Amino acid sequence: MKKILICVGTRPNFIKVTRFKKLSSNYNLEVKILHTGQHFDHQMSKVFFDELKLEKPDIYLDAKGSTQVEMIADIMVKFEKELNNYRPDVVLVPGDVNSSVACALVASRNGIKIGHIESGLRSFDRTMPEEINRILIDDLSDLFFVTEESGLDHLIKEGKEANKIHLVGNTMIDSLVNFKGAIDKSNILTKIKCTKDFGLMTFHRPSNVDSKGTLSELVKSIELCCANLTMVVPLHPRTKKSLVKHNLWNKFKNTKNLILTDSLGYLDFMKLVSKSKIVITDSGGIQEETTFLQIPCITVRENTERPITISMGKNELIPLNGDLISNRMMAKLKNIEKGKIPPLWDGFATERILATIKNTKS
């Protein structure tokens, strides 16, 4: 029986691996989950295991670090010790976060095969740590699990072996399909007293929220959008901390049609996404979820590593400019044309990954 160790550490990546353990016995595979501890607070981590009724991680590293480098270093040291106790046939890492690159590096140095979920995505913006992580993980990987056509093209151009590249679909969409019933039952709209049409806004990227200048423009964007539509804004801890730090919190005091909340669990958040008229975000994964749900999306970034959300979905890149964002929001709300769901975004990507690993020679 092949052994798979899946390494996760952040909120988006928990959602990408929810079905692996449940399905592993169907493929005669042993799957264990390792949580690095990169996201450690309740709303960013534990709540996902609780509300989705997932088994607790088999291994918890409790990694610490006040900087990205310290966190990566602590994960690497602690992960290598765990590999002395449990040696899997494949280390599976999702996405582009620091936990994934740290575990991939350690697995490589210990001669263990690496599978990369969401392989081949590229923004071509090397100022983003995530872009560096994607490139490094793919350079170390033995199996490439791809969500969209652009990933195939990038990996081939980079010289990866075609027989190791597998277009499997999107495991984040697997969770969205699998938990649809629970999402529909969420009463978050009642909790936040939102009874009318609304848009959803969520921001967390350092380039948008860390400096006072960009954060002020973000606040302006929210205010302008609220002039035309009720906006629900769940605040990422990083964003909330920055608003307080830069004395911008009080800006919202007199903003009408604004509903502010703390970070939400997966079910509540996806209920908001599914019922919203439009989503304005700087997230990577939300671009994919809105594409699947065929909801208009504005991504407040200069680039995206997920171009299929634009070419097939209703996503659009907009720079951080309040007037432009609010104007484009209104234009998109008037356009009733729906996007298309990308190939293999059908809820069965996890099965394809497990089948590929099972049929790959050790």
Protein backbone atom coordinates (compact mmCIF):
# COMPACT_ATOMS: atom_id res chain seq x y z
CA MET A 1 0.00 0.00 0.00
CA LYS A 2 1.47 3.32 -1.08
CA LYS A 3 1.68 6.02 1.58
CA ILE A 4 0.83 9.66 0.81
CA LEU A 5 1.59 12.53 3.16
CA ILE A 6 -0.31 15.73 2.32
CA CYS A 7 1.27 18.89 3.73
CA VAL A 8 -0.97 21.89 4.37
CA GLY A 9 -0.69 25.01 6.46
CA THR A 10 -3.07 27.74 5.31
CA ARG A 11 -6.79 28.31 5.00
CA PRO A 12 -7.04 27.96 1.20
CA ASN A 13 -5.04 24.76 1.16
CA PHE A 14 -7.17 23.03 3.79
CA ILE A 15 -10.06 23.39 1.34
CA LYS A 16 -8.06 21.77 -1.46
CA VAL A 17 -7.52 18.48 0.39
CA THR A 18 -10.83 17.76 2.14
CA ARG A 19 -11.64 14.57 0.20
CA PHE A 20 -8.31 12.72 0.04
CA LYS A 21 -8.57 10.74 3.27
CA LYS A 22 -12.23 9.87 2.66
CA LEU A 23 -11.45 8.41 -0.76
CA SER A 24 -8.03 6.86 -0.11
CA SER A 25 -9.28 3.35 0.70
CA ASN A 26 -10.99 3.18 -2.69
CA TYR A 27 -7.54 3.29 -4.27
CA ASN A 28 -5.72 1.11 -1.72
CA LEU A 29 -3.69 4.11 -0.59
CA GLU A 30 -2.78 5.34 2.90
CA VAL A 31 -3.22 9.09 3.27
CA LYS A 32 -2.06 11.17 6.20
CA ILE A 33 -2.43 14.93 6.66
CA LEU A 34 0.32 17.12 8.10
CA HIS A 35 -0.56 20.63 9.30
CA THR A 36 2.47 22.90 9.57
CA GLY A 37 0.76 25.50 11.74
CA GLN A 38 1.41 28.39 9.31
CA HIS A 39 -2.19 29.52 9.91
CA PHE A 40 -2.78 28.81 13.57
CA ASP A 41 -5.65 30.98 14.83
CA HIS A 42 -9.18 29.61 15.10
CA GLN A 43 -10.79 31.48 12.23
CA MET A 44 -7.94 30.80 9.80
CA SER A 45 -7.41 27.13 10.66
CA LYS A 46 -9.22 25.13 13.34
CA VAL A 47 -12.70 26.29 12.32
CA PHE A 48 -12.30 24.53 8.98
CA PHE A 49 -11.69 21.16 10.56
CA ASP A 50 -14.55 21.71 12.99
CA GLU A 51 -17.27 22.88 10.63
CA LEU A 52 -16.43 20.50 7.78
CA LYS A 53 -16.21 17.59 10.24
CA LEU A 54 -12.77 16.66 9.00
CA GLU A 55 -10.48 14.37 10.93
CA LYS A 56 -7.80 16.18 12.89
CA PRO A 57 -4.42 16.30 11.12
CA ASP A 58 -2.30 13.23 11.78
CA ILE A 59 0.77 15.40 12.34
CA TYR A 60 0.90 18.97 13.65
CA LEU A 61 4.23 20.80 13.47
CA ASP A 62 3.23 23.94 15.42
CA ALA A 63 5.76 25.92 13.40
CA LYS A 64 6.74 29.36 14.65
CA GLY A 65 8.36 32.39 13.10
CA SER A 66 8.03 36.17 13.13
CA THR A 67 9.18 36.42 9.50
CA GLN A 68 8.54 34.30 6.41
CA VAL A 69 12.10 32.99 6.47
CA GLU A 70 11.88 32.02 10.15
CA MET A 71 8.59 30.22 9.52
CA ILE A 72 9.96 28.33 6.50
CA ALA A 73 13.08 27.35 8.45
CA ASP A 74 11.09 26.07 11.43
CA ILE A 75 8.77 24.05 9.18
CA MET A 76 11.77 22.47 7.43
CA VAL A 77 13.54 21.47 10.65
CA LYS A 78 10.39 20.03 12.24
CA PHE A 79 9.23 18.32 9.05
CA GLU A 80 12.53 16.52 8.58
CA LYS A 81 12.24 15.09 12.08
CA GLU A 82 8.76 13.80 11.26
CA LEU A 83 10.06 12.09 8.12
CA ASN A 84 12.36 10.06 10.35
CA ASN A 85 9.23 8.62 11.99
CA TYR A 86 7.00 8.30 8.94
CA ARG A 87 8.43 7.91 5.45
CA PRO A 88 5.77 8.26 2.75
CA ASP A 89 6.09 7.23 -0.88
CA VAL A 90 4.77 10.62 -2.01
CA VAL A 91 4.66 14.03 -0.34
CA LEU A 92 1.73 15.95 -1.82
CA VAL A 93 1.76 19.74 -1.54
CA PRO A 94 -1.01 22.09 -2.73
CA GLY A 95 -0.71 25.58 -4.06
CA ASP A 96 2.04 28.15 -3.55
CA VAL A 97 2.31 28.95 0.15
CA ASN A 98 5.42 28.85 2.32
CA SER A 99 4.36 25.58 3.94
CA SER A 100 4.27 23.88 0.55
CA VAL A 101 7.71 25.04 -0.61
CA ALA A 102 9.27 24.22 2.77
CA CYS A 103 7.91 20.66 2.80
CA ALA A 104 8.80 20.14 -0.86
CA LEU A 105 12.43 21.14 -0.20
CA VAL A 106 12.73 18.74 2.73
CA ALA A 107 11.07 15.87 0.86
CA SER A 108 13.43 16.41 -2.07
CA ARG A 109 16.52 16.35 0.17
CA ASN A 110 15.26 13.11 1.69
CA GLY A 111 14.70 11.42 -1.66
CA ILE A 112 10.90 11.32 -1.46
CA LYS A 113 8.74 11.88 -4.53
CA ILE A 114 6.76 15.13 -4.63
CA GLY A 115 3.36 15.74 -6.17
CA HIS A 116 2.25 19.34 -6.72
CA ILE A 117 -1.45 20.20 -6.72
CA GLU A 118 -2.14 23.33 -8.86
CA SER A 119 1.11 22.85 -10.72
CA GLY A 120 2.14 25.11 -13.58
CA LEU A 121 0.26 28.28 -12.58
CA ARG A 122 2.28 31.41 -13.32
CA SER A 123 1.66 35.13 -12.83
CA PHE A 124 5.15 36.03 -14.15
CA ASP A 125 5.42 38.53 -11.29
CA ARG A 126 8.51 37.64 -9.30
CA THR A 127 7.80 40.35 -6.73
CA MET A 128 5.14 37.97 -5.37
CA PRO A 129 6.57 35.36 -2.95
CA GLU A 130 3.91 32.95 -4.19
CA GLU A 131 5.34 33.05 -7.73
CA ILE A 132 8.80 32.09 -6.48
CA ASN A 133 7.24 29.29 -4.43
CA ARG A 134 5.35 27.93 -7.47
CA ILE A 135 8.48 27.82 -9.58
CA LEU A 136 10.58 26.18 -6.85
CA ILE A 137 7.96 23.54 -6.07
CA ASP A 138 7.56 22.63 -9.73
CA ASP A 139 11.33 22.37 -10.16
CA LEU A 140 11.40 19.86 -7.30
CA SER A 141 8.28 17.89 -8.22
CA ASP A 142 7.93 14.45 -9.80
CA LEU A 143 4.18 14.60 -10.45
CA PHE A 144 2.39 17.69 -11.75
CA PHE A 145 -1.35 17.97 -11.10
CA VAL A 146 -2.74 20.79 -13.25
CA THR A 147 -6.00 22.72 -12.94
CA GLU A 148 -6.11 24.53 -16.29
CA GLU A 149 -4.60 24.55 -19.78
CA SER A 150 -2.15 27.37 -19.04
CA GLY A 151 -0.46 25.14 -16.47
CA LEU A 152 0.18 22.46 -19.09
CA ASP A 153 1.68 25.01 -21.46
CA HIS A 154 3.98 26.53 -18.83
CA LEU A 155 5.31 23.18 -17.62
CA ILE A 156 6.07 21.97 -21.15
CA LYS A 157 7.87 25.25 -21.94
CA GLU A 158 9.89 24.82 -18.75
CA GLY A 159 11.04 21.38 -19.89
CA LYS A 160 9.01 19.14 -17.61
CA GLU A 161 8.40 15.60 -18.87
CA ALA A 162 4.97 15.35 -20.51
CA ASN A 163 4.22 11.91 -19.03
CA LYS A 164 4.46 13.37 -15.52
CA ILE A 165 1.99 16.21 -16.20
CA HIS A 166 -1.67 15.48 -15.52
CA LEU A 167 -4.64 17.78 -16.17
CA VAL A 168 -6.92 16.67 -13.32
CA GLY A 169 -9.22 19.61 -12.59
CA ASN A 170 -9.50 21.63 -9.42
CA THR A 171 -9.63 20.12 -5.93
CA MET A 172 -10.95 23.41 -4.51
CA ILE A 173 -14.01 22.91 -6.70
CA ASP A 174 -14.26 19.34 -5.36
CA SER A 175 -14.89 20.79 -1.89
CA LEU A 176 -17.36 23.34 -3.22
CA VAL A 177 -19.37 20.57 -4.90
CA ASN A 178 -19.09 18.17 -1.98
CA PHE A 179 -20.20 20.69 0.66
CA LYS A 180 -22.93 22.37 -1.39
CA GLY A 181 -25.69 21.06 0.89
CA ALA A 182 -23.98 22.40 4.01
CA ILE A 183 -23.24 25.71 2.32
CA ASP A 184 -26.89 26.12 1.35
CA LYS A 185 -27.91 25.59 5.00
CA SER A 186 -25.69 28.39 6.32
CA ASN A 187 -27.70 31.16 8.00
CA ILE A 188 -24.97 33.80 7.66
CA LEU A 189 -27.27 36.20 5.79
CA THR A 190 -29.63 36.23 8.76
CA LYS A 191 -26.74 36.60 11.21
CA ILE A 192 -25.37 39.68 9.49
CA LYS A 193 -28.87 41.03 8.77
CA CYS A 194 -28.38 41.20 5.02
CA THR A 195 -31.81 41.07 3.41
CA LYS A 196 -31.18 42.71 0.03
CA ASP A 197 -28.97 42.25 -3.01
CA PHE A 198 -25.32 42.62 -2.11
CA GLY A 199 -21.76 42.46 -3.36
CA LEU A 200 -18.88 40.80 -1.53
CA MET A 201 -15.43 42.35 -1.03
CA THR A 202 -12.38 40.65 0.47
CA PHE A 203 -8.76 41.78 0.56
CA HIS A 204 -5.60 40.50 2.21
CA ARG A 205 -2.61 40.86 -0.14
CA PRO A 206 0.28 42.90 1.35
CA SER A 207 0.46 45.04 -1.81
CA ASN A 208 -3.12 46.20 -1.16
CA VAL A 209 -3.42 46.36 2.61
CA ASP A 210 -0.03 46.93 4.24
CA SER A 211 0.75 50.57 3.35
CA LYS A 212 -1.42 53.51 4.33
CA GLY A 213 -1.59 54.77 0.74
CA THR A 214 -2.95 51.58 -0.81
CA LEU A 215 -5.18 50.90 2.16
CA SER A 216 -6.68 54.39 1.90
CA GLU A 217 -7.50 53.71 -1.76
CA LEU A 218 -9.05 50.40 -0.75
CA VAL A 219 -11.25 52.16 1.81
CA LYS A 220 -12.26 54.64 -0.90
CA SER A 221 -13.14 51.70 -3.20
CA ILE A 222 -15.39 50.19 -0.55
CA GLU A 223 -17.14 53.52 0.07
CA LEU A 224 -17.75 54.13 -3.64
CA CYS A 225 -19.10 50.63 -4.20
CA CYS A 226 -21.42 51.01 -1.20
CA ALA A 227 -22.96 54.07 -2.88
CA ASN A 228 -24.51 51.74 -5.46
CA LEU A 229 -24.92 48.37 -3.74
CA THR A 230 -24.86 46.90 -0.24
CA MET A 231 -21.37 45.50 0.27
CA VAL A 232 -20.45 42.74 2.71
CA VAL A 233 -16.78 42.91 3.73
CA PRO A 234 -15.34 40.07 5.85
CA LEU A 235 -12.06 41.43 7.20
CA HIS A 236 -8.96 39.27 6.98
CA PRO A 237 -6.91 39.58 10.23
CA ARG A 238 -4.06 41.22 8.31
CA THR A 239 -6.40 43.83 6.81
CA LYS A 240 -8.13 44.56 10.11
CA LYS A 241 -4.79 45.00 11.87
CA SER A 242 -3.61 47.40 9.15
CA LEU A 243 -6.81 49.48 9.33
CA VAL A 244 -6.24 49.98 13.06
CA LYS A 245 -2.52 50.64 12.65
CA HIS A 246 -3.06 53.38 10.06
CA ASN A 247 -6.02 54.99 11.88
CA LEU A 248 -8.41 54.23 9.02
CA TRP A 249 -10.94 52.20 10.99
CA ASN A 250 -13.13 55.22 11.73
CA LYS A 251 -13.47 55.95 8.01
CA PHE A 252 -16.31 53.42 7.91
CA LYS A 253 -18.36 55.09 10.67
CA ASN A 254 -20.72 56.89 8.33
CA THR A 255 -20.60 54.52 5.36
CA LYS A 256 -24.11 53.41 4.45
CA ASN A 257 -24.87 50.02 2.89
CA LEU A 258 -21.74 48.50 4.45
CA ILE A 259 -21.74 45.27 6.46
CA LEU A 260 -18.38 44.53 8.11
CA THR A 261 -17.66 41.10 9.62
CA ASP A 262 -14.64 39.28 10.98
CA SER A 263 -13.14 36.42 8.96
CA LEU A 264 -15.71 33.72 8.32
CA GLY A 265 -15.63 29.95 8.17
CA TYR A 266 -15.75 28.19 4.82
CA LEU A 267 -19.45 27.39 4.79
CA ASP A 268 -20.57 30.91 5.74
CA PHE A 269 -18.14 32.54 3.34
CA MET A 270 -19.12 30.36 0.41
CA LYS A 271 -22.79 31.03 1.13
CA LEU A 272 -22.01 34.74 0.72
CA VAL A 273 -20.09 34.11 -2.49
CA SER A 274 -22.88 31.99 -3.94
CA LYS A 275 -25.59 34.57 -3.17
CA SER A 276 -23.64 37.70 -4.11
CA LYS A 277 -24.25 39.74 -7.25
CA ILE A 278 -20.54 40.38 -7.67
CA VAL A 279 -17.29 39.63 -5.83
CA ILE A 280 -14.39 42.09 -5.60
CA THR A 281 -11.23 40.49 -4.24
CA ASP A 282 -7.46 40.08 -4.44
CA SER A 283 -7.58 36.35 -3.68
CA GLY A 284 -6.42 33.61 -6.00
CA GLY A 285 -8.86 30.88 -5.05
CA ILE A 286 -11.95 33.10 -5.03
CA GLN A 287 -11.34 33.80 -8.72
CA GLU A 288 -11.83 30.07 -9.31
CA GLU A 289 -14.85 29.67 -7.06
CA THR A 290 -16.68 32.58 -8.70
CA THR A 291 -15.84 31.14 -12.12
CA PHE A 292 -17.39 27.81 -11.17
CA LEU A 293 -20.44 29.55 -9.67
CA GLN A 294 -20.64 31.83 -12.73
CA ILE A 295 -20.61 35.00 -10.63
CA PRO A 296 -18.94 38.21 -11.90
CA CYS A 297 -15.60 38.89 -10.23
CA ILE A 298 -13.24 41.85 -10.12
CA THR A 299 -9.71 40.96 -9.06
CA VAL A 300 -7.78 43.93 -7.69
CA ARG A 301 -4.35 42.91 -8.94
CA GLU A 302 -2.05 43.68 -11.85
CA ASN A 303 -1.88 40.02 -12.89
CA THR A 304 -3.32 36.58 -12.22
CA GLU A 305 -1.86 33.09 -12.26
CA ARG A 306 -5.34 31.79 -13.14
CA PRO A 307 -6.01 33.18 -16.65
CA ILE A 308 -8.82 30.71 -17.36
CA THR A 309 -10.99 32.67 -14.91
CA ILE A 310 -10.78 35.55 -17.40
CA SER A 311 -10.84 33.67 -20.71
CA MET A 312 -13.75 31.41 -19.68
CA GLY A 313 -15.15 32.96 -16.51
CA LYS A 314 -16.40 36.46 -15.69
CA ASN A 315 -13.25 37.60 -13.90
CA GLU A 316 -11.51 40.88 -14.73
CA LEU A 317 -8.24 42.37 -13.50
CA ILE A 318 -8.50 45.94 -12.20
CA PRO A 319 -5.72 48.04 -10.61
CA LEU A 320 -6.32 49.49 -7.17
CA ASN A 321 -8.30 52.59 -8.12
CA GLY A 322 -11.57 53.32 -6.33
CA ASP A 323 -13.27 55.16 -9.19
CA LEU A 324 -12.34 52.50 -11.73
CA ILE A 325 -13.39 49.62 -9.46
CA SER A 326 -16.81 51.11 -8.71
CA ASN A 327 -17.40 51.97 -12.39
CA ARG A 328 -16.46 48.48 -13.56
CA MET A 329 -18.64 46.96 -10.85
CA MET A 330 -21.67 48.76 -12.22
CA ALA A 331 -20.82 47.77 -15.79
CA LYS A 332 -20.44 44.10 -14.85
CA LEU A 333 -23.72 44.12 -12.92
CA LYS A 334 -25.51 45.29 -16.06
CA ASN A 335 -23.95 42.54 -18.20
CA ILE A 336 -26.07 39.40 -17.71
CA GLU A 337 -23.89 37.17 -19.90
CA LYS A 338 -22.53 34.19 -17.95
CA GLY A 339 -19.09 32.67 -18.21
CA LYS A 340 -18.32 28.99 -18.79
CA ILE A 341 -17.08 26.37 -16.32
CA PRO A 342 -13.57 25.14 -17.26
CA PRO A 343 -12.95 21.52 -18.31
CA LEU A 344 -12.76 18.95 -15.50
CA TRP A 345 -13.95 21.40 -12.84
CA ASP A 346 -16.58 18.83 -11.99
CA GLY A 347 -15.91 17.74 -8.40
CA PHE A 348 -13.73 14.72 -9.22
CA ALA A 349 -10.17 16.10 -9.33
CA THR A 350 -9.27 14.30 -6.09
CA GLU A 351 -10.20 10.95 -7.60
CA ARG A 352 -8.03 11.65 -10.64
CA ILE A 353 -5.04 12.54 -8.47
CA LEU A 354 -5.39 9.41 -6.32
CA ALA A 355 -5.79 7.21 -9.39
CA THR A 356 -2.66 8.74 -10.96
CA ILE A 357 -0.58 8.16 -7.82
CA LYS A 358 -1.84 4.59 -7.53
CA ASN A 359 -0.92 3.83 -11.14
CA THR A 360 2.49 5.55 -11.05
CA LYS A 361 5.43 3.22 -10.60
CA SER A 362 7.34 3.79 -7.36
